[in-house]
Each structure stands twice: as structure tokens, then as C-alpha cells.
Amino acid sequence: MSRSHFSRAFKKTTGMSPQEWALDVRIRKAQECLKADHLPLAQISQECGFADQSHFSRMFSKLVGVTPKRWQRLNSNKAQLG
């Protein structure tokens, strides 16, 4: 199967490109780390496969709508209230 054929079939099946899907998986992993661990953002970004903390923060903000730190604060408050 050619690369382009795979990409088209993947997008038809999942609704996103392989690159978009991989980024989504990495962002979800980062969200789990932000909820569970109190690790530095640089370490979370490295563990989730981002080039550096800046790249992680840009991609996270673009896809989630808030910075990783803000997301962490918002979600840790919900956990404390629940």
C-alpha cells in the first residue's frame, strides 16, 4: 500500500490524517500527565514526544484552546470540587 493510499484510507476511516491522529494521541497523553502528575511542563512535553516545551505549549493551546498550565489549573480545581 502506498503512503498516499494509506493516508486517504486512514482519513476516510478516522476523519483525520495520520499526523492529526498522532498529535491528538500525544495531547491526550499530556492531559493525563497534567491531571495525574505534577511534573514540569518540559518533562511532560518530552515524555509526550514534542520537540520542546514551546512546541508542546503552542500545539496544546492551538488544539485545546488554553495553555497547558491553565488547563491543569482548571482540571485540578474540578477534581478538588468533585
N, C-alpha and C. Protein backbone atom coordinates (compact mmCIF):
# COMPACT_ATOMS: atom_id res chain seq x y z
N MET A 1 0.84 -1.16 0.00
CA MET A 1 0.00 0.00 0.00
C MET A 1 0.90 1.24 0.00
N SER A 2 0.62 2.16 -0.88
CA SER A 2 1.43 3.38 -0.94
C SER A 2 1.10 4.29 0.24
N ARG A 3 2.01 5.21 0.50
CA ARG A 3 1.82 6.16 1.60
C ARG A 3 0.56 7.01 1.38
N SER A 4 0.37 7.48 0.16
CA SER A 4 -0.80 8.33 -0.12
C SER A 4 -2.10 7.54 -0.01
N HIS A 5 -2.08 6.30 -0.46
CA HIS A 5 -3.28 5.45 -0.34
C HIS A 5 -3.60 5.21 1.14
N PHE A 6 -2.59 4.91 1.92
CA PHE A 6 -2.78 4.71 3.36
C PHE A 6 -3.37 5.97 4.00
N SER A 7 -2.80 7.13 3.67
CA SER A 7 -3.28 8.38 4.26
C SER A 7 -4.73 8.64 3.92
N ARG A 8 -5.10 8.41 2.67
CA ARG A 8 -6.51 8.62 2.27
C ARG A 8 -7.43 7.63 2.99
N ALA A 9 -7.03 6.38 3.06
CA ALA A 9 -7.86 5.37 3.72
C ALA A 9 -7.97 5.66 5.22
N PHE A 10 -6.88 6.08 5.82
CA PHE A 10 -6.87 6.40 7.25
C PHE A 10 -7.82 7.57 7.52
N LYS A 11 -7.72 8.62 6.71
CA LYS A 11 -8.57 9.79 6.90
C LYS A 11 -10.04 9.44 6.68
N LYS A 12 -10.32 8.61 5.70
CA LYS A 12 -11.70 8.20 5.44
C LYS A 12 -12.25 7.41 6.63
N THR A 13 -11.42 6.61 7.26
CA THR A 13 -11.86 5.78 8.38
C THR A 13 -11.96 6.56 9.69
N THR A 14 -10.98 7.41 9.96
CA THR A 14 -10.92 8.09 11.27
C THR A 14 -11.41 9.53 11.25
N GLY A 15 -11.47 10.13 10.06
CA GLY A 15 -11.85 11.52 9.96
C GLY A 15 -10.69 12.48 10.15
N MET A 16 -9.50 11.95 10.32
CA MET A 16 -8.31 12.82 10.45
C MET A 16 -7.12 12.14 9.81
N SER A 17 -6.13 12.96 9.47
CA SER A 17 -4.91 12.41 8.86
C SER A 17 -4.11 11.65 9.91
N PRO A 18 -3.18 10.80 9.48
CA PRO A 18 -2.34 10.10 10.46
C PRO A 18 -1.58 11.07 11.37
N GLN A 19 -1.13 12.19 10.82
CA GLN A 19 -0.41 13.17 11.63
C GLN A 19 -1.33 13.83 12.66
N GLU A 20 -2.55 14.16 12.24
CA GLU A 20 -3.51 14.75 13.17
C GLU A 20 -3.87 13.76 14.28
N TRP A 21 -4.04 12.50 13.90
CA TRP A 21 -4.36 11.47 14.88
C TRP A 21 -3.23 11.30 15.89
N ALA A 22 -2.00 11.26 15.41
CA ALA A 22 -0.85 11.10 16.31
C ALA A 22 -0.74 12.29 17.26
N LEU A 23 -0.97 13.50 16.75
CA LEU A 23 -0.93 14.68 17.60
C LEU A 23 -2.04 14.63 18.65
N ASP A 24 -3.21 14.19 18.26
CA ASP A 24 -4.33 14.05 19.19
C ASP A 24 -3.99 13.07 20.31
N VAL A 25 -3.38 11.96 19.96
CA VAL A 25 -2.98 10.96 20.96
C VAL A 25 -1.96 11.57 21.93
N ARG A 26 -0.98 12.31 21.40
CA ARG A 26 0.04 12.93 22.25
C ARG A 26 -0.56 13.98 23.18
N ILE A 27 -1.54 14.76 22.68
CA ILE A 27 -2.19 15.77 23.51
C ILE A 27 -3.01 15.10 24.61
N ARG A 28 -3.72 14.03 24.29
CA ARG A 28 -4.50 13.31 25.32
C ARG A 28 -3.58 12.71 26.38
N LYS A 29 -2.43 12.20 25.96
CA LYS A 29 -1.46 11.68 26.93
C LYS A 29 -0.96 12.81 27.83
N ALA A 30 -0.71 13.96 27.24
CA ALA A 30 -0.26 15.12 28.02
C ALA A 30 -1.33 15.55 29.02
N GLN A 31 -2.59 15.51 28.61
CA GLN A 31 -3.68 15.86 29.52
C GLN A 31 -3.72 14.90 30.71
N GLU A 32 -3.51 13.63 30.45
CA GLU A 32 -3.48 12.66 31.55
C GLU A 32 -2.32 12.96 32.49
N CYS A 33 -1.16 13.28 31.93
CA CYS A 33 0.00 13.62 32.75
C CYS A 33 -0.26 14.89 33.55
N LEU A 34 -0.90 15.87 32.93
CA LEU A 34 -1.19 17.12 33.63
C LEU A 34 -2.18 16.90 34.77
N LYS A 35 -3.11 15.97 34.60
CA LYS A 35 -4.07 15.66 35.66
C LYS A 35 -3.42 14.88 36.80
N ALA A 36 -2.62 13.90 36.44
CA ALA A 36 -2.11 12.95 37.42
C ALA A 36 -0.82 13.37 38.09
N ASP A 37 0.06 13.96 37.33
CA ASP A 37 1.40 14.25 37.84
C ASP A 37 1.59 15.75 38.03
N HIS A 38 2.49 16.08 38.87
CA HIS A 38 2.89 17.47 39.00
C HIS A 38 4.32 17.60 38.48
N LEU A 39 4.51 17.12 37.26
CA LEU A 39 5.80 17.17 36.60
C LEU A 39 5.97 18.52 35.92
N PRO A 40 7.19 18.96 35.73
CA PRO A 40 7.41 20.18 34.96
C PRO A 40 6.91 20.01 33.52
N LEU A 41 6.44 21.10 32.93
CA LEU A 41 5.94 21.04 31.56
C LEU A 41 7.00 20.54 30.59
N ALA A 42 8.25 20.89 30.83
CA ALA A 42 9.33 20.44 29.95
C ALA A 42 9.41 18.91 29.96
N GLN A 43 9.24 18.31 31.11
CA GLN A 43 9.30 16.84 31.20
C GLN A 43 8.08 16.20 30.54
N ILE A 44 6.90 16.78 30.77
CA ILE A 44 5.69 16.25 30.13
C ILE A 44 5.82 16.34 28.62
N SER A 45 6.31 17.48 28.13
CA SER A 45 6.45 17.64 26.68
C SER A 45 7.41 16.61 26.11
N GLN A 46 8.49 16.35 26.81
CA GLN A 46 9.45 15.35 26.35
C GLN A 46 8.83 13.95 26.37
N GLU A 47 8.13 13.61 27.43
CA GLU A 47 7.52 12.28 27.54
C GLU A 47 6.43 12.04 26.51
N CYS A 48 5.82 13.13 26.03
CA CYS A 48 4.75 13.00 25.05
C CYS A 48 5.24 13.17 23.61
N GLY A 49 6.54 13.32 23.43
CA GLY A 49 7.12 13.31 22.09
C GLY A 49 7.19 14.65 21.38
N PHE A 50 7.10 15.74 22.11
CA PHE A 50 7.22 17.06 21.49
C PHE A 50 8.68 17.48 21.44
N ALA A 51 9.00 18.34 20.48
CA ALA A 51 10.39 18.77 20.29
C ALA A 51 10.92 19.52 21.51
N ASP A 52 10.08 20.35 22.09
CA ASP A 52 10.46 21.11 23.28
C ASP A 52 9.19 21.65 23.95
N GLN A 53 9.35 22.31 25.07
CA GLN A 53 8.21 22.82 25.82
C GLN A 53 7.43 23.87 25.03
N SER A 54 8.14 24.69 24.29
CA SER A 54 7.49 25.73 23.49
C SER A 54 6.58 25.12 22.43
N HIS A 55 7.09 24.12 21.74
CA HIS A 55 6.30 23.43 20.71
C HIS A 55 5.08 22.78 21.36
N PHE A 56 5.27 22.12 22.48
CA PHE A 56 4.17 21.49 23.22
C PHE A 56 3.11 22.53 23.58
N SER A 57 3.53 23.64 24.16
CA SER A 57 2.58 24.67 24.59
C SER A 57 1.80 25.25 23.40
N ARG A 58 2.49 25.48 22.28
CA ARG A 58 1.81 26.01 21.09
C ARG A 58 0.77 25.03 20.56
N MET A 59 1.15 23.77 20.43
CA MET A 59 0.23 22.77 19.89
C MET A 59 -0.94 22.52 20.85
N PHE A 60 -0.64 22.45 22.14
CA PHE A 60 -1.68 22.24 23.15
C PHE A 60 -2.68 23.38 23.09
N SER A 61 -2.19 24.62 23.10
CA SER A 61 -3.07 25.80 23.08
C SER A 61 -3.90 25.83 21.80
N LYS A 62 -3.29 25.49 20.69
CA LYS A 62 -4.00 25.50 19.40
C LYS A 62 -5.14 24.48 19.39
N LEU A 63 -4.89 23.29 19.91
CA LEU A 63 -5.89 22.23 19.86
C LEU A 63 -6.89 22.25 21.01
N VAL A 64 -6.45 22.66 22.19
CA VAL A 64 -7.31 22.60 23.36
C VAL A 64 -7.97 23.95 23.65
N GLY A 65 -7.30 25.03 23.26
CA GLY A 65 -7.87 26.35 23.45
C GLY A 65 -7.35 27.12 24.65
N VAL A 66 -6.57 26.46 25.49
CA VAL A 66 -5.93 27.11 26.64
C VAL A 66 -4.52 26.56 26.77
N THR A 67 -3.68 27.25 27.54
CA THR A 67 -2.32 26.78 27.75
C THR A 67 -2.34 25.53 28.63
N PRO A 68 -1.27 24.74 28.59
CA PRO A 68 -1.23 23.54 29.44
C PRO A 68 -1.38 23.88 30.93
N LYS A 69 -0.72 24.94 31.39
CA LYS A 69 -0.82 25.30 32.81
C LYS A 69 -2.24 25.69 33.18
N ARG A 70 -2.89 26.49 32.32
CA ARG A 70 -4.27 26.89 32.60
C ARG A 70 -5.19 25.67 32.60
N TRP A 71 -5.00 24.77 31.65
CA TRP A 71 -5.80 23.55 31.58
C TRP A 71 -5.61 22.74 32.86
N GLN A 72 -4.36 22.65 33.31
CA GLN A 72 -4.06 21.90 34.53
C GLN A 72 -4.77 22.52 35.73
N ARG A 73 -4.70 23.84 35.85
CA ARG A 73 -5.38 24.53 36.97
C ARG A 73 -6.88 24.31 36.92
N LEU A 74 -7.47 24.46 35.74
CA LEU A 74 -8.91 24.28 35.59
C LEU A 74 -9.34 22.86 35.94
N ASN A 75 -8.56 21.89 35.55
CA ASN A 75 -8.92 20.50 35.80
C ASN A 75 -8.59 20.04 37.20
N SER A 76 -7.58 20.62 37.84
CA SER A 76 -7.30 20.23 39.22
C SER A 76 -8.35 20.85 40.13
N ASN A 77 -8.90 22.03 39.79
CA ASN A 77 -9.98 22.61 40.58
C ASN A 77 -11.23 21.75 40.51
N LYS A 78 -11.56 21.24 39.33
CA LYS A 78 -12.72 20.37 39.17
C LYS A 78 -12.56 19.10 40.00
N ALA A 79 -11.34 18.57 40.00
CA ALA A 79 -11.09 17.34 40.76
C ALA A 79 -11.25 17.59 42.25
N GLN A 80 -10.85 18.75 42.73
CA GLN A 80 -10.97 19.07 44.15
C GLN A 80 -12.42 19.31 44.54
N LEU A 81 -13.22 19.90 43.62
CA LEU A 81 -14.61 20.16 43.92
C LEU A 81 -15.48 18.91 43.85
N GLY A 82 -15.07 17.94 43.00
CA GLY A 82 -15.89 16.74 42.78
C GLY A 82 -15.66 15.76 43.84
